[in-house]
Amino acid sequence: MVANEIRKLADSTKTISEKINSISRERQEISRLAQEKLNELIPQVNKNSDHIRNIAKVTMEEKKVINQINTSITQLGDIANQNSAAAEEMAAAAEELNAQAEKLHELVENIDIQS
């Protein structure tokens, strides 16, 4: 009877040991597959990181260009304001010249009349 119990215990131990070995092999296979997937993903992640770095670089370059454009637009606005002021000064000078020309014309007419 004791031998029978020992035999049952040995059989149970063998069955449990086989199950443990089977589970261990399954876990090893799962780990191997996970490692393969990680090895496939790492280059893709690195490639995506490179793309993101390139996008960031291009974005910074675009920002510089936009700032240069904004500066140019501001300068063009300043030039337009200067041109407007110069045009106003020229108009005022033209009016002054016109007034002086009219006075000169009147003087010339007076000279002709007296002669």
Protein backbone atom coordinates (compact mmCIF):
# COMPACT_ATOMS: atom_id res chain seq x y z
CA MET A 1 0.00 0.00 0.00
CA VAL A 2 2.82 2.40 0.79
CA ALA A 3 4.53 1.40 -2.43
CA ASN A 4 1.28 2.07 -4.25
CA GLU A 5 1.03 5.54 -2.70
CA ILE A 6 4.68 6.20 -3.56
CA ARG A 7 3.98 5.11 -7.14
CA LYS A 8 0.95 7.44 -7.35
CA LEU A 9 2.99 10.27 -5.89
CA ALA A 10 5.78 9.59 -8.40
CA ASP A 11 3.27 9.52 -11.27
CA SER A 12 1.72 12.80 -10.09
CA THR A 13 5.17 14.31 -9.72
CA LYS A 14 6.06 13.14 -13.23
CA THR A 15 2.83 14.59 -14.67
CA ILE A 16 3.33 17.88 -12.88
CA SER A 17 6.98 17.95 -13.96
CA GLU A 18 5.96 17.36 -17.60
CA LYS A 19 3.36 20.15 -17.34
CA ILE A 20 5.96 22.48 -15.84
CA ASN A 21 8.39 21.61 -18.64
CA SER A 22 5.67 22.13 -21.25
CA ILE A 23 4.70 25.51 -19.78
CA SER A 24 8.37 26.45 -19.56
CA ARG A 25 8.89 25.59 -23.27
CA GLU A 26 5.77 27.59 -24.18
CA ARG A 27 7.04 30.57 -22.20
CA GLN A 28 10.45 30.27 -23.85
CA GLU A 29 8.79 30.24 -27.29
CA ILE A 30 6.66 33.26 -26.36
CA SER A 31 9.79 35.06 -25.15
CA ARG A 32 11.62 34.17 -28.36
CA LEU A 33 8.73 35.46 -30.49
CA ALA A 34 8.51 38.63 -28.41
CA GLN A 35 12.26 39.17 -28.88
CA GLU A 36 11.88 38.69 -32.65
CA LYS A 37 9.06 41.23 -32.75
CA LEU A 38 11.10 43.70 -30.69
CA ASN A 39 14.05 43.19 -33.04
CA GLU A 40 11.73 43.98 -35.97
CA LEU A 41 10.27 47.03 -34.23
CA ILE A 42 13.50 48.65 -33.06
CA PRO A 43 14.72 49.60 -36.56
CA GLN A 44 11.27 50.97 -37.38
CA VAL A 45 11.24 53.02 -34.18
CA ASN A 46 14.72 54.32 -34.99
CA LYS A 47 13.58 55.18 -38.52
CA ASN A 48 10.55 57.04 -37.13
CA SER A 49 12.81 58.89 -34.70
CA ASP A 50 15.00 59.95 -37.62
CA HIS A 51 11.93 61.19 -39.50
CA ILE A 52 10.76 63.14 -36.47
CA ARG A 53 14.21 64.72 -36.06
CA ASN A 54 14.19 65.69 -39.75
CA ILE A 55 10.71 67.18 -39.43
CA ALA A 56 11.86 69.19 -36.41
CA LYS A 57 14.92 70.41 -38.33
CA VAL A 58 12.84 71.45 -41.34
CA THR A 59 10.32 73.13 -39.05
CA MET A 60 13.08 75.20 -37.45
CA GLU A 61 14.38 76.18 -40.89
CA GLU A 62 10.86 77.17 -41.94
CA LYS A 63 10.54 79.26 -38.78
CA LYS A 64 13.74 81.11 -39.68
CA VAL A 65 12.45 81.76 -43.20
CA ILE A 66 9.10 82.97 -41.85
CA ASN A 67 10.92 85.33 -39.49
CA GLN A 68 12.97 86.65 -42.42
CA ILE A 69 9.79 87.15 -44.45
CA ASN A 70 8.17 89.00 -41.54
CA THR A 71 11.24 91.22 -41.23
CA SER A 72 11.12 91.93 -44.96
CA ILE A 73 7.42 92.77 -44.80
CA THR A 74 8.09 95.15 -41.91
CA GLN A 75 10.89 96.79 -43.90
CA LEU A 76 8.58 97.10 -46.92
CA GLY A 77 5.99 98.76 -44.68
CA ASP A 78 8.64 101.20 -43.46
CA ILE A 79 9.68 101.96 -47.04
CA ALA A 80 6.04 102.47 -48.04
CA ASN A 81 5.62 104.90 -45.14
CA GLN A 82 8.79 106.74 -46.17
CA ASN A 83 7.57 106.89 -49.77
CA SER A 84 4.23 108.21 -48.61
CA ALA A 85 5.92 110.91 -46.53
CA ALA A 86 8.19 111.80 -49.47
CA ALA A 87 5.17 111.97 -51.78
CA GLU A 88 3.41 114.33 -49.36
CA GLU A 89 6.54 116.50 -49.19
CA MET A 90 6.77 116.52 -52.98
CA ALA A 91 3.09 117.48 -53.26
CA ALA A 92 3.60 120.31 -50.81
CA ALA A 93 6.70 121.43 -52.72
CA ALA A 94 4.77 121.24 -55.98
CA GLU A 95 2.01 123.40 -54.52
CA GLU A 96 4.62 125.88 -53.31
CA LEU A 97 6.28 125.92 -56.74
CA ASN A 98 2.89 126.37 -58.37
CA ALA A 99 2.12 129.30 -56.08
CA GLN A 100 5.54 130.85 -56.82
CA ALA A 101 5.02 130.27 -60.56
CA GLU A 102 1.69 132.07 -60.38
CA LYS A 103 3.35 135.00 -58.56
CA LEU A 104 6.14 135.03 -61.12
CA HIS A 105 3.59 134.94 -63.92
CA GLU A 106 1.77 137.89 -62.37
CA LEU A 107 5.04 139.81 -62.06
CA VAL A 108 5.89 139.06 -65.67
CA GLU A 109 2.45 140.22 -66.81
CA ASN A 110 2.84 143.43 -64.82
CA ILE A 111 6.21 144.06 -66.46
CA ASP A 112 4.69 143.62 -69.92
CA ILE A 113 1.85 145.98 -69.11
CA GLN A 114 4.17 148.75 -67.92
CA SER A 115 6.44 148.57 -70.93
